[in-house]
């Protein structure tokens, strides 16, 4: 009789120290537990009254915020299943710019409810298929829940209504003020075809001091640095932009000048000064009264710029130089010369202003419309201004999404509850085993209004029962009133959610959950030890030292 040979398993072809998990208990439930734990850290940060999180990243930088995207980026999640949720949230941030916390909370609740089904005996693949079926039905019915279409993207009052919900989720105490700032900036910079709106047209300059209520919008660009020469203010500016230093140019090859007498040295200095003065005089004769350069200004050039009453502004970032050129309509020159009149930029005023104890250079336009607007954010601390900046960023991205797809849904949790009830009713008509997964999917959709009520200090089960009762009728758009804690009509109170944002949220959450449930084995190679830690890639638009974002 042959003796059975024991199997060597993964240790036969994997490096020593590798880990392997398989089966429902080790793989699926372990993944669900990790994702639920991640969502538990973010649930209390959801909604206008969400709590802040204090995050200290790997370089000991402090973040105090309730913005889920920032928290997830700085936490450096390592668990592979939790990373799938983080990637889904990051994709939501890139596509829409908002609803990142909704993706995490919804996906984690769906996973939590799927664990109940697994304990009942269902297979993970059956639950995943049921969730996919439920989302396809939700995708079909969601267009019928649209309550309004944003078509007046250049109407200031309408834009305020569209952006208010996005800002209130981050800055509930200053929602009206910040909404007014962002709406003005968006309306000032939106082109005639609103679908061509560019989020880069809204710049943010953070200056510490005073309070948020002292923030303001300027039609033009603001740079957190002073001027180089003695000229501090110019009206009706004609601006020459140079993508090079305004200094004596150095030759590519080394050269030697032989001077035999002191007169030779004097003549050389006089010749150099004459050439520099000729260049500056030529610019002044062309009507140039402001020079912007992407490099330093030489002392001899500054002398003649002051003599001819020309303002000198130095920008260290080539990206800011491009934005300024787009704003004023100038063409940057690669070498020092006198540009033709059609290559010069124009601006109503260029002046140096002191805000708090910080000198800023302002390129201001009197017109109601421009290519770029700058929001000057004030605040008592850097973390406070950073949080306001995130709220502004969410609102600008909301405006961008609306310019592509203007459909709006009822906010304040109304559309989630309405979708939940529809999926539940639809699932009752199913005769197969998928009805259990569809029922859990419908219950998971109600987690967002439930969490809103909980974070607002109300009993979630009591409020949910009120909301379910209010949604018994057809086409109901009732959500939570954050002030009274009662049920109110979201459309009447002009609280909206983006159709594109909600649909993307549901899709990404469902796809992430389906992917996690379809994983039956986890194989982890042994991690490498030693060597330098790989550096994170720098942002393409980084390196600005003038406070622009």
Protein backbone atom coordinates (compact mmCIF):
# COMPACT_ATOMS: atom_id res chain seq x y z
CA UNK A 1 0.00 0.00 0.00
CA UNK A 2 1.44 3.40 -1.02
CA UNK A 3 1.85 5.95 1.75
CA UNK A 4 0.22 9.39 1.13
CA UNK A 5 2.75 12.13 0.43
CA UNK A 6 1.95 15.35 2.34
CA UNK A 7 1.48 18.43 0.17
CA UNK A 8 4.12 21.11 0.51
CA UNK A 9 1.68 23.97 -0.20
CA UNK A 10 2.72 27.52 -0.93
CA UNK A 11 6.03 27.18 0.85
CA UNK A 12 7.21 25.17 -2.16
CA UNK A 13 7.22 28.06 -4.64
CA UNK A 14 6.94 31.23 -2.50
CA UNK A 15 9.69 33.02 -0.65
CA UNK A 16 9.98 32.15 3.02
CA UNK A 17 7.83 34.53 5.08
CA UNK A 18 4.98 34.81 2.55
CA UNK A 19 1.41 34.79 3.93
CA UNK A 20 -1.61 33.01 2.53
CA UNK A 21 -5.28 33.19 3.53
CA UNK A 22 -8.18 31.41 1.85
CA UNK A 23 -11.82 30.56 2.38
CA UNK A 24 -14.76 32.60 3.58
CA UNK A 25 -13.54 32.95 7.15
CA UNK A 26 -9.93 33.86 6.44
CA UNK A 27 -10.23 35.86 3.21
CA UNK A 28 -13.73 37.30 2.68
CA UNK A 29 -14.68 38.04 6.29
CA UNK A 30 -11.20 39.33 7.06
CA UNK A 31 -11.51 41.81 4.17
CA UNK A 32 -14.99 42.87 5.27
CA UNK A 33 -13.74 43.48 8.80
CA UNK A 34 -10.88 45.69 7.56
CA UNK A 35 -13.19 47.79 5.34
CA UNK A 36 -15.73 48.19 8.14
CA UNK A 37 -12.97 49.34 10.48
CA UNK A 38 -11.84 51.95 7.92
CA UNK A 39 -15.38 53.30 7.48
CA UNK A 40 -15.75 53.51 11.26
CA UNK A 41 -13.02 56.15 11.30
CA UNK A 42 -14.83 58.28 8.69
CA UNK A 43 -18.51 57.89 9.62
CA UNK A 44 -18.45 60.60 12.26
CA UNK A 45 -16.87 63.04 9.76
CA UNK A 46 -19.85 62.78 7.38
CA UNK A 47 -22.21 65.70 6.76
CA UNK A 48 -22.31 69.36 7.80
CA UNK A 49 -22.03 68.54 11.51
CA UNK A 50 -19.36 65.89 11.04
CA UNK A 51 -16.51 65.81 13.55
CA UNK A 52 -12.98 66.80 12.58
CA UNK A 53 -10.11 64.33 12.53
CA UNK A 54 -6.59 65.25 13.61
CA UNK A 55 -4.18 63.48 11.27
CA UNK A 56 -0.38 63.64 11.54
CA UNK A 57 1.23 62.21 8.41
CA UNK A 58 4.63 60.54 7.96
CA UNK A 59 6.48 63.88 7.81
CA UNK A 60 4.67 65.11 10.96
CA UNK A 61 2.47 67.58 9.14
CA UNK A 62 -0.77 68.28 11.01
CA UNK A 63 -4.21 68.11 9.37
CA UNK A 64 -7.41 69.02 11.22
CA UNK A 65 -10.28 68.32 8.82
CA UNK A 66 -13.45 66.34 8.14
CA UNK A 67 -12.64 65.97 4.44
CA UNK A 68 -12.51 62.24 3.71
CA UNK A 69 -10.25 62.60 0.66
CA UNK A 70 -7.56 64.38 2.69
CA UNK A 71 -7.83 61.90 5.57
CA UNK A 72 -7.51 58.89 3.27
CA UNK A 73 -4.56 60.37 1.37
CA UNK A 74 -2.62 61.05 4.56
CA UNK A 75 -3.37 57.81 6.43
CA UNK A 76 -1.43 55.60 3.96
CA UNK A 77 -3.74 52.57 4.25
CA UNK A 78 -1.85 49.28 3.79
CA UNK A 79 -4.55 46.59 3.93
CA UNK A 80 -5.22 45.43 0.33
CA UNK A 81 -9.03 45.24 0.64
CA UNK A 82 -9.24 48.60 2.41
CA UNK A 83 -7.00 50.00 -0.33
CA UNK A 84 -9.70 49.07 -2.86
CA UNK A 85 -12.15 51.34 -1.03
CA UNK A 86 -9.53 54.08 -0.87
CA UNK A 87 -8.94 53.79 -4.63
CA UNK A 88 -12.70 54.02 -5.25
CA UNK A 89 -12.88 57.16 -3.09
CA UNK A 90 -9.88 58.67 -4.91
CA UNK A 91 -11.53 58.01 -8.26
CA UNK A 92 -14.67 59.75 -7.00
CA UNK A 93 -12.54 62.72 -5.96
CA UNK A 94 -10.92 62.91 -9.40
CA UNK A 95 -14.15 62.56 -11.37
CA UNK A 96 -16.55 64.67 -9.28
CA UNK A 97 -14.51 66.28 -6.49
CA UNK A 98 -17.06 65.44 -3.78
CA UNK A 99 -19.01 62.54 -2.16
CA UNK A 100 -15.81 60.67 -1.22
CA UNK A 101 -17.03 59.90 2.30
CA UNK A 102 -20.33 58.64 0.88
CA UNK A 103 -18.47 56.04 -1.20
CA UNK A 104 -16.63 54.67 1.86
CA UNK A 105 -19.67 54.63 4.16
CA UNK A 106 -21.99 53.07 1.57
CA UNK A 107 -19.48 50.40 0.52
CA UNK A 108 -18.66 49.45 4.12
CA UNK A 109 -22.34 49.14 5.04
CA UNK A 110 -22.95 46.92 2.01
CA UNK A 111 -20.03 44.72 3.07
CA UNK A 112 -21.29 44.60 6.65
CA UNK A 113 -24.69 43.43 5.49
CA UNK A 114 -23.16 40.92 3.09
CA UNK A 115 -21.37 39.31 6.08
CA UNK A 116 -24.83 38.56 7.54
CA UNK A 117 -25.77 36.79 4.31
CA UNK A 118 -22.55 34.78 4.34
CA UNK A 119 -23.30 33.60 7.86
CA UNK A 120 -26.77 32.55 6.62
CA UNK A 121 -25.14 30.27 4.05
CA UNK A 122 -25.09 32.34 0.85
CA UNK A 123 -21.95 32.33 -1.25
CA UNK A 124 -19.97 35.53 -1.82
CA UNK A 125 -20.46 35.30 -5.60
CA UNK A 126 -24.24 35.17 -5.13
CA UNK A 127 -24.21 38.29 -2.96
CA UNK A 128 -21.96 40.13 -5.44
CA UNK A 129 -24.28 39.24 -8.35
CA UNK A 130 -27.32 40.45 -6.39
CA UNK A 131 -25.60 43.77 -5.64
CA UNK A 132 -24.73 44.20 -9.34
CA UNK A 133 -28.36 43.53 -10.32
CA UNK A 134 -29.59 46.07 -7.77
CA UNK A 135 -27.23 48.76 -9.07
CA UNK A 136 -28.30 48.19 -12.68
CA UNK A 137 -31.90 48.73 -11.61
CA UNK A 138 -30.91 51.83 -9.63
CA UNK A 139 -29.06 53.19 -12.67
CA UNK A 140 -32.23 52.83 -14.73
CA UNK A 141 -34.55 54.52 -12.23
CA UNK A 142 -32.26 57.34 -10.98
CA UNK A 143 -32.97 59.68 -13.97
CA UNK A 144 -36.67 59.67 -12.97
CA UNK A 145 -35.68 61.16 -9.58
CA UNK A 146 -34.17 64.32 -11.13
CA UNK A 147 -35.91 67.37 -9.65
CA UNK A 148 -34.17 70.21 -11.51
CA UNK A 149 -31.73 70.92 -14.30
CA UNK A 150 -29.06 73.58 -13.82
CA UNK A 151 -29.10 75.59 -17.04
CA UNK A 152 -28.43 79.16 -15.84
CA UNK A 153 -24.73 78.74 -15.04
CA UNK A 154 -24.09 82.50 -15.36
CA UNK A 155 -26.90 83.54 -13.01
CA UNK A 156 -25.34 84.35 -9.62
CA UNK A 157 -28.43 83.58 -7.53
CA UNK A 158 -29.02 80.22 -9.23
CA UNK A 159 -25.36 79.21 -8.87
CA UNK A 160 -25.54 79.93 -5.12
CA UNK A 161 -28.44 77.50 -4.81
CA UNK A 162 -26.51 74.80 -6.67
CA UNK A 163 -23.31 75.13 -4.62
CA UNK A 164 -24.72 75.68 -1.14
CA UNK A 165 -25.13 71.99 -0.24
CA UNK A 166 -21.57 71.17 -1.29
CA UNK A 167 -20.07 73.92 0.88
CA UNK A 168 -22.34 73.33 3.89
CA UNK A 169 -20.98 69.78 4.21
CA UNK A 170 -17.52 71.26 4.95
CA UNK A 171 -18.16 74.77 6.33
CA UNK A 172 -21.65 74.79 7.85
CA UNK A 173 -20.96 77.85 10.02
CA UNK A 174 -19.85 80.02 7.04
CA UNK A 175 -21.84 78.36 4.26
CA UNK A 176 -23.62 81.49 2.98
CA UNK A 177 -20.49 83.63 2.95
CA UNK A 178 -18.24 81.06 1.24
CA UNK A 179 -21.02 80.15 -1.22
CA UNK A 180 -21.22 83.81 -2.23
CA UNK A 181 -17.43 83.96 -2.77
CA UNK A 182 -17.26 80.82 -4.90
CA UNK A 183 -20.37 81.68 -6.92
CA UNK A 184 -18.93 85.13 -7.78
CA UNK A 185 -15.59 83.61 -8.80
CA UNK A 186 -17.22 80.94 -10.99
CA UNK A 187 -19.61 83.35 -12.71
CA UNK A 188 -16.75 85.80 -13.37
CA UNK A 189 -14.60 83.19 -15.12
CA UNK A 190 -17.10 80.90 -16.87
CA UNK A 191 -16.84 81.14 -20.70
CA UNK A 192 -19.86 81.60 -22.94
CA UNK A 193 -19.98 77.84 -23.43
CA UNK A 194 -20.15 76.79 -19.77
CA UNK A 195 -19.06 73.24 -20.57
CA UNK A 196 -15.56 74.65 -21.23
CA UNK A 197 -15.22 75.87 -17.64
CA UNK A 198 -11.77 75.12 -16.21
CA UNK A 199 -11.29 74.60 -12.45
CA UNK A 200 -7.79 76.07 -12.82
CA UNK A 201 -9.45 79.44 -13.48
CA UNK A 202 -10.21 79.76 -9.75
CA UNK A 203 -7.04 80.42 -7.76
CA UNK A 204 -6.70 80.52 -3.97
CA UNK A 205 -4.30 82.75 -2.03
CA UNK A 206 -4.14 82.00 1.70
CA UNK A 207 -3.05 84.83 3.99
CA UNK A 208 -3.02 84.09 7.70
CA UNK A 209 -4.69 86.54 10.07
CA UNK A 210 -8.11 88.04 10.78
CA UNK A 211 -11.08 85.70 10.17
CA UNK A 212 -12.80 83.76 7.40
CA UNK A 213 -15.42 86.52 7.06
CA UNK A 214 -12.68 88.85 5.75
CA UNK A 215 -12.02 86.67 2.70
CA UNK A 216 -12.80 88.21 -0.68
CA UNK A 217 -12.78 87.62 -4.45
CA UNK A 218 -10.65 89.56 -6.91
CA UNK A 219 -11.07 89.51 -10.70
CA UNK A 220 -7.49 88.77 -11.65
CA UNK A 221 -4.47 87.26 -9.95
CA UNK A 222 -2.94 87.85 -6.55
CA UNK A 223 0.65 86.86 -5.78
CA UNK A 224 1.95 86.51 -2.26
CA UNK A 225 5.09 88.55 -2.84
CA UNK A 226 6.13 92.17 -3.24
CA UNK A 227 7.50 94.09 -6.21
CA UNK A 228 11.18 94.41 -7.07
CA UNK A 229 11.59 98.11 -7.81
CA UNK A 230 10.37 101.34 -6.24
CA UNK A 231 7.19 101.59 -8.37
CA UNK A 232 4.30 100.19 -6.30
CA UNK A 233 1.19 101.08 -8.32
CA UNK A 234 0.35 101.38 -12.01
CA UNK A 235 -3.03 102.23 -13.58
CA UNK A 236 -3.98 101.17 -17.12
CA UNK A 237 -1.09 98.73 -17.14
CA UNK A 238 0.51 97.46 -20.33
CA UNK A 239 2.44 94.38 -19.31
CA UNK A 240 5.41 92.65 -20.92
CA UNK A 241 5.94 89.07 -19.72
CA UNK A 242 9.36 87.40 -19.96
CA UNK A 243 10.04 83.72 -19.30
CA UNK A 244 13.66 84.57 -18.49
CA UNK A 245 15.60 86.72 -15.98
CA UNK A 246 15.85 90.46 -16.62
CA UNK A 247 19.59 90.62 -16.21
CA UNK A 248 22.79 90.84 -18.21
CA UNK A 249 22.85 87.74 -20.38
CA UNK A 250 25.77 85.37 -20.14
CA UNK A 251 27.32 83.96 -23.30
CA UNK A 252 27.21 80.23 -23.88
CA UNK A 253 30.98 80.08 -24.26
CA UNK A 254 33.62 81.67 -22.08
CA UNK A 255 35.20 84.81 -23.41
CA UNK A 256 38.10 87.05 -22.39
CA UNK A 257 38.19 90.83 -22.66
CA UNK A 258 41.64 92.42 -22.56
CA UNK A 259 41.75 95.84 -20.88
CA UNK A 260 45.04 97.70 -20.85
CA UNK A 261 44.04 100.98 -19.18
CA UNK A 262 41.46 102.39 -16.79
CA UNK A 263 39.81 104.16 -19.72
CA UNK A 264 39.10 100.78 -21.29
CA UNK A 265 37.27 99.70 -18.11
CA UNK A 266 35.24 102.95 -18.03
CA UNK A 267 34.28 102.63 -21.68
CA UNK A 268 33.20 99.00 -21.16
CA UNK A 269 30.97 99.97 -18.19
CA UNK A 270 29.47 102.89 -20.11
CA UNK A 271 28.78 100.65 -23.11
CA UNK A 272 27.02 98.07 -20.93
CA UNK A 273 24.89 100.73 -19.22
CA UNK A 274 24.00 102.23 -22.58
CA UNK A 275 22.80 98.89 -23.91
CA UNK A 276 20.67 98.25 -20.80
CA UNK A 277 19.18 101.74 -20.90
CA UNK A 278 18.42 101.32 -24.59
CA UNK A 279 16.49 98.11 -23.89
CA UNK A 280 14.45 99.67 -21.07
CA UNK A 281 13.83 102.90 -23.03
CA UNK A 282 12.59 100.83 -25.99
CA UNK A 283 10.10 99.07 -23.69
CA UNK A 284 8.98 102.40 -22.20
CA UNK A 285 8.52 103.90 -25.69
CA UNK A 286 6.33 100.91 -26.60
CA UNK A 287 4.01 101.85 -23.73
CA UNK A 288 5.16 99.12 -21.30
CA UNK A 289 4.79 100.18 -17.66
CA UNK A 290 4.90 96.74 -15.96
CA UNK A 291 7.45 93.96 -16.53
CA UNK A 292 6.87 90.44 -15.20
CA UNK A 293 9.82 88.04 -15.31
CA UNK A 294 10.37 84.39 -14.44
CA UNK A 295 13.73 85.15 -12.85
CA UNK A 296 15.73 87.76 -11.00
CA UNK A 297 16.08 91.43 -11.92
CA UNK A 298 19.66 92.66 -12.17
CA UNK A 299 20.65 95.77 -10.20
CA UNK A 300 21.50 97.79 -13.30
CA UNK A 301 18.14 96.87 -14.87
CA UNK A 302 16.27 97.85 -11.71
CA UNK A 303 18.03 101.23 -11.76
CA UNK A 304 16.75 102.05 -15.24
CA UNK A 305 13.29 100.53 -14.57
CA UNK A 306 12.91 102.96 -11.67
CA UNK A 307 14.23 105.78 -13.86
CA UNK A 308 11.56 105.13 -16.52
CA UNK A 309 8.84 104.50 -13.89
CA UNK A 310 8.26 100.84 -14.82
CA UNK A 311 7.02 98.34 -12.21
CA UNK A 312 9.01 95.09 -11.86
CA UNK A 313 7.35 91.87 -10.67
CA UNK A 314 9.21 88.61 -10.23
CA UNK A 315 7.43 85.22 -10.36
CA UNK A 316 9.31 82.07 -9.42
CA UNK A 317 6.73 79.61 -10.78
CA UNK A 318 6.43 79.01 -14.51
CA UNK A 319 2.86 77.77 -13.95
CA UNK A 320 1.85 81.10 -12.38
CA UNK A 321 3.55 82.89 -15.27
CA UNK A 322 1.35 80.96 -17.73
CA UNK A 323 -1.82 81.64 -15.73
CA UNK A 324 -1.03 85.34 -15.50
CA UNK A 325 -0.35 85.47 -19.24
CA UNK A 326 -3.73 83.84 -19.89
CA UNK A 327 -5.42 86.24 -17.49
CA UNK A 328 -4.03 89.45 -19.03
CA UNK A 329 -3.77 88.22 -22.63
CA UNK A 330 0.02 88.42 -22.93
CA UNK A 331 2.48 86.22 -24.79
CA UNK A 332 5.57 85.28 -22.68
CA UNK A 333 8.86 86.10 -24.40
CA UNK A 334 11.77 83.68 -24.14
CA UNK A 335 14.41 86.46 -24.29
CA UNK A 336 14.68 90.09 -23.35
CA UNK A 337 13.29 92.19 -26.20
CA UNK A 338 10.57 94.72 -27.03
CA UNK A 339 7.42 92.73 -27.87
CA UNK A 340 4.98 93.93 -30.50
CA UNK A 341 1.80 95.61 -29.14
CA UNK A 342 -0.37 92.55 -29.78
CA UNK A 343 1.90 90.44 -27.50
CA UNK A 344 1.52 92.77 -24.52
CA UNK A 345 -0.98 92.12 -21.74
CA UNK A 346 -3.44 94.66 -20.36
CA UNK A 347 -4.83 95.18 -16.89
CA UNK A 348 -6.77 97.99 -15.22
CA UNK A 349 -4.52 98.17 -12.16
CA UNK A 350 -1.37 96.53 -10.83
CA UNK A 351 -0.56 97.47 -7.27
CA UNK A 352 1.16 96.37 -4.09
CA UNK A 353 -1.18 95.84 -1.14
CA UNK A 354 -0.50 94.88 2.44
CA UNK A 355 -2.97 92.31 3.80
CA UNK A 356 -2.30 91.66 7.45
CA UNK A 357 1.49 91.70 7.59
CA UNK A 358 1.89 90.16 4.13
CA UNK A 359 2.73 92.07 0.95
CA UNK A 360 0.79 90.91 -2.10
CA UNK A 361 0.92 92.05 -5.72
CA UNK A 362 -2.51 92.35 -7.33
CA UNK A 363 -3.33 92.29 -11.04
CA UNK A 364 -6.88 93.63 -10.92
CA UNK A 365 -9.54 94.10 -13.59
CA UNK A 366 -12.65 96.28 -13.28
CA UNK A 367 -14.69 94.25 -15.74
CA UNK A 368 -17.35 91.83 -14.53
CA UNK A 369 -15.81 88.97 -16.48
CA UNK A 370 -12.28 87.61 -16.74
CA UNK A 371 -10.22 84.51 -17.42
CA UNK A 372 -9.02 83.97 -13.85
CA UNK A 373 -10.38 84.95 -10.42
CA UNK A 374 -8.52 84.72 -7.11
CA UNK A 375 -10.18 84.03 -3.77
CA UNK A 376 -8.15 85.52 -0.92
CA UNK A 377 -8.74 83.24 2.08
CA UNK A 378 -8.15 84.65 5.57
CA UNK A 379 -8.10 82.64 8.77
CA UNK A 380 -6.71 82.49 12.29
CA UNK A 381 -4.56 79.40 11.58
CA UNK A 382 -3.12 77.51 8.65
CA UNK A 383 -5.32 74.46 9.30
CA UNK A 384 -8.43 76.67 9.34
CA UNK A 385 -7.55 78.16 5.96
CA UNK A 386 -6.72 74.72 4.56
CA UNK A 387 -10.18 73.49 5.56
CA UNK A 388 -11.84 76.49 3.87
CA UNK A 389 -9.74 75.82 0.79
CA UNK A 390 -11.03 72.22 0.64
CA UNK A 391 -14.62 73.47 0.83
CA UNK A 392 -13.93 75.93 -2.01
CA UNK A 393 -12.28 73.16 -4.05
CA UNK A 394 -15.35 70.91 -3.61
CA UNK A 395 -17.68 73.71 -4.67
CA UNK A 396 -15.61 74.61 -7.76
CA UNK A 397 -15.56 70.94 -8.80
CA UNK A 398 -19.34 70.82 -8.27
CA UNK A 399 -19.73 73.80 -10.62
CA UNK A 400 -17.50 72.02 -13.15
CA UNK A 401 -19.61 68.85 -12.92
CA UNK A 402 -22.81 70.87 -13.32
CA UNK A 403 -21.42 72.53 -16.44
CA UNK A 404 -21.12 69.03 -17.97
CA UNK A 405 -24.33 67.50 -16.58
CA UNK A 406 -26.80 69.93 -14.99
CA UNK A 407 -29.21 67.37 -13.53
CA UNK A 408 -29.91 67.73 -9.80
CA UNK A 409 -31.43 65.38 -7.22
CA UNK A 410 -33.08 66.14 -3.89
CA UNK A 411 -30.41 66.44 -1.19
CA UNK A 412 -30.33 66.01 2.60
CA UNK A 413 -30.59 62.22 2.23
CA UNK A 414 -33.89 62.36 0.31
CA UNK A 415 -32.67 60.68 -2.88
CA UNK A 416 -30.93 57.90 -0.89
CA UNK A 417 -34.13 57.04 0.96
CA UNK A 418 -36.18 57.22 -2.22
CA UNK A 419 -33.73 54.91 -4.02
CA UNK A 420 -33.70 52.56 -1.04
CA UNK A 421 -37.46 52.16 -1.07
CA UNK A 422 -37.58 51.65 -4.84
CA UNK A 423 -34.92 48.89 -4.76
CA UNK A 424 -36.69 47.22 -1.84
CA UNK A 425 -40.02 47.17 -3.69
CA UNK A 426 -38.34 45.95 -6.87
CA UNK A 427 -36.55 43.16 -4.98
CA UNK A 428 -39.81 41.79 -3.62
CA UNK A 429 -40.74 40.72 -7.14
CA UNK A 430 -37.68 38.48 -7.39
CA UNK A 431 -38.23 34.78 -6.82
CA UNK A 432 -34.63 33.61 -6.64
CA UNK A 433 -31.99 33.72 -3.94
CA UNK A 434 -30.83 37.13 -5.20
CA UNK A 435 -33.74 38.80 -3.40
CA UNK A 436 -31.81 38.54 -0.12
CA UNK A 437 -28.86 40.47 -1.53
CA UNK A 438 -31.15 43.07 -3.13
CA UNK A 439 -32.92 43.57 0.21
CA UNK A 440 -29.55 44.19 1.93
CA UNK A 441 -28.54 46.58 -0.87
CA UNK A 442 -31.73 48.60 -0.32
CA UNK A 443 -31.05 48.75 3.43
CA UNK A 444 -27.48 49.89 2.78
CA UNK A 445 -28.72 52.85 0.70
CA UNK A 446 -30.51 54.19 3.78
CA UNK A 447 -27.26 54.37 5.77
CA UNK A 448 -26.40 57.86 4.46
CA UNK A 449 -29.50 59.70 5.82
CA UNK A 450 -29.19 57.59 8.97
CA UNK A 451 -25.58 58.73 9.47
CA UNK A 452 -26.58 62.35 8.75
CA UNK A 453 -29.12 62.21 11.58
CA UNK A 454 -26.67 60.52 13.94
CA UNK A 455 -23.91 63.07 13.33
CA UNK A 456 -26.45 65.84 13.87
CA UNK A 457 -27.14 64.52 17.39
CA UNK A 458 -30.50 62.86 16.73
CA UNK A 459 -31.58 59.29 17.35
CA UNK A 460 -31.04 57.62 13.93
CA UNK A 461 -33.71 54.93 14.28
CA UNK A 462 -36.39 57.45 15.29
CA UNK A 463 -35.52 59.77 12.44
CA UNK A 464 -35.33 56.90 9.95
CA UNK A 465 -38.84 55.80 10.88
CA UNK A 466 -40.08 59.36 10.26
CA UNK A 467 -38.33 59.46 6.90
CA UNK A 468 -39.73 56.07 5.85
CA UNK A 469 -43.23 57.24 6.75
CA UNK A 470 -42.74 60.47 4.76
CA UNK A 471 -41.61 58.48 1.72
CA UNK A 472 -44.69 56.27 1.60
CA UNK A 473 -46.17 58.53 -1.06
CA UNK A 474 -44.95 58.63 -4.65
CA UNK A 475 -42.19 61.02 -5.82
CA UNK A 476 -41.38 62.16 -2.28
CA UNK A 477 -38.30 64.36 -1.81
CA UNK A 478 -38.15 64.62 1.99
CA UNK A 479 -34.81 64.73 3.82
CA UNK A 480 -33.39 65.74 7.18
CA UNK A 481 -33.56 69.29 8.51
CA UNK A 482 -30.22 69.78 10.28
CA UNK A 483 -31.53 72.64 12.41
CA UNK A 484 -34.71 71.08 13.82
CA UNK A 485 -33.90 67.43 13.20
CA UNK A 486 -37.29 66.95 11.60
CA UNK A 487 -38.30 65.86 8.12
CA UNK A 488 -38.51 68.57 5.46
CA UNK A 489 -38.89 68.89 1.69
CA UNK A 490 -35.37 69.22 0.26
CA UNK A 491 -36.52 70.70 -3.07
CA UNK A 492 -38.57 73.44 -1.37
CA UNK A 493 -35.53 74.30 0.79
CA UNK A 494 -33.26 74.25 -2.31
CA UNK A 495 -30.93 71.50 -1.08
CA UNK A 496 -29.61 69.54 -4.04
CA UNK A 497 -27.25 66.67 -4.82
CA UNK A 498 -25.49 66.23 -8.15
CA UNK A 499 -26.98 63.51 -10.33
CA UNK A 500 -23.53 62.71 -11.76
CA UNK A 501 -22.00 62.70 -8.26
CA UNK A 502 -24.61 60.37 -6.76
CA UNK A 503 -24.55 57.98 -9.70
CA UNK A 504 -20.75 57.82 -9.58
CA UNK A 505 -20.91 57.26 -5.80
CA UNK A 506 -23.32 54.32 -6.14
CA UNK A 507 -21.35 52.82 -9.04
CA UNK A 508 -17.92 53.01 -7.42
CA UNK A 509 -19.18 51.70 -4.07
CA UNK A 510 -20.95 48.76 -5.73
CA UNK A 511 -17.97 47.88 -7.93
CA UNK A 512 -15.57 48.02 -4.97
CA UNK A 513 -17.84 45.78 -2.87
CA UNK A 514 -18.32 43.34 -5.74
CA UNK A 515 -14.55 43.12 -6.24
CA UNK A 516 -13.90 42.49 -2.53
CA UNK A 517 -16.59 39.81 -2.31
CA UNK A 518 -15.14 37.96 -5.30
CA UNK A 519 -11.76 37.57 -3.58
CA UNK A 520 -11.42 34.08 -2.06
CA UNK A 521 -7.66 34.00 -1.46
CA UNK A 522 -5.09 36.50 -0.21
CA UNK A 523 -1.46 35.80 -1.09
CA UNK A 524 1.09 38.23 0.34
CA UNK A 525 4.73 38.01 -0.67
CA UNK A 526 7.36 38.70 1.94
CA UNK A 527 8.05 42.40 2.14
CA UNK A 528 11.51 43.62 1.25
CA UNK A 529 13.57 44.91 4.16
CA UNK A 530 16.17 47.64 4.12
CA UNK A 531 16.89 50.23 1.49
CA UNK A 532 15.42 53.73 1.20
CA UNK A 533 11.67 54.17 1.22
CA UNK A 534 10.41 55.16 -2.27
CA UNK A 535 9.53 58.82 -2.44
CA UNK A 536 5.97 59.77 -3.34
CA UNK A 537 5.70 61.48 -6.75
CA UNK A 538 5.58 65.25 -6.54
CA UNK A 539 2.49 67.01 -7.93
CA UNK A 540 2.93 68.33 -11.46
CA UNK A 541 1.83 71.80 -10.31
CA UNK A 542 3.96 71.94 -7.16
CA UNK A 543 6.93 73.98 -6.14
CA UNK A 544 5.19 77.36 -5.88
CA UNK A 545 6.66 79.37 -3.03
CA UNK A 546 4.24 82.28 -3.29
CA UNK A 547 1.28 80.68 -1.52
CA UNK A 548 -0.77 80.06 -4.65
CA UNK A 549 -2.57 76.73 -4.83
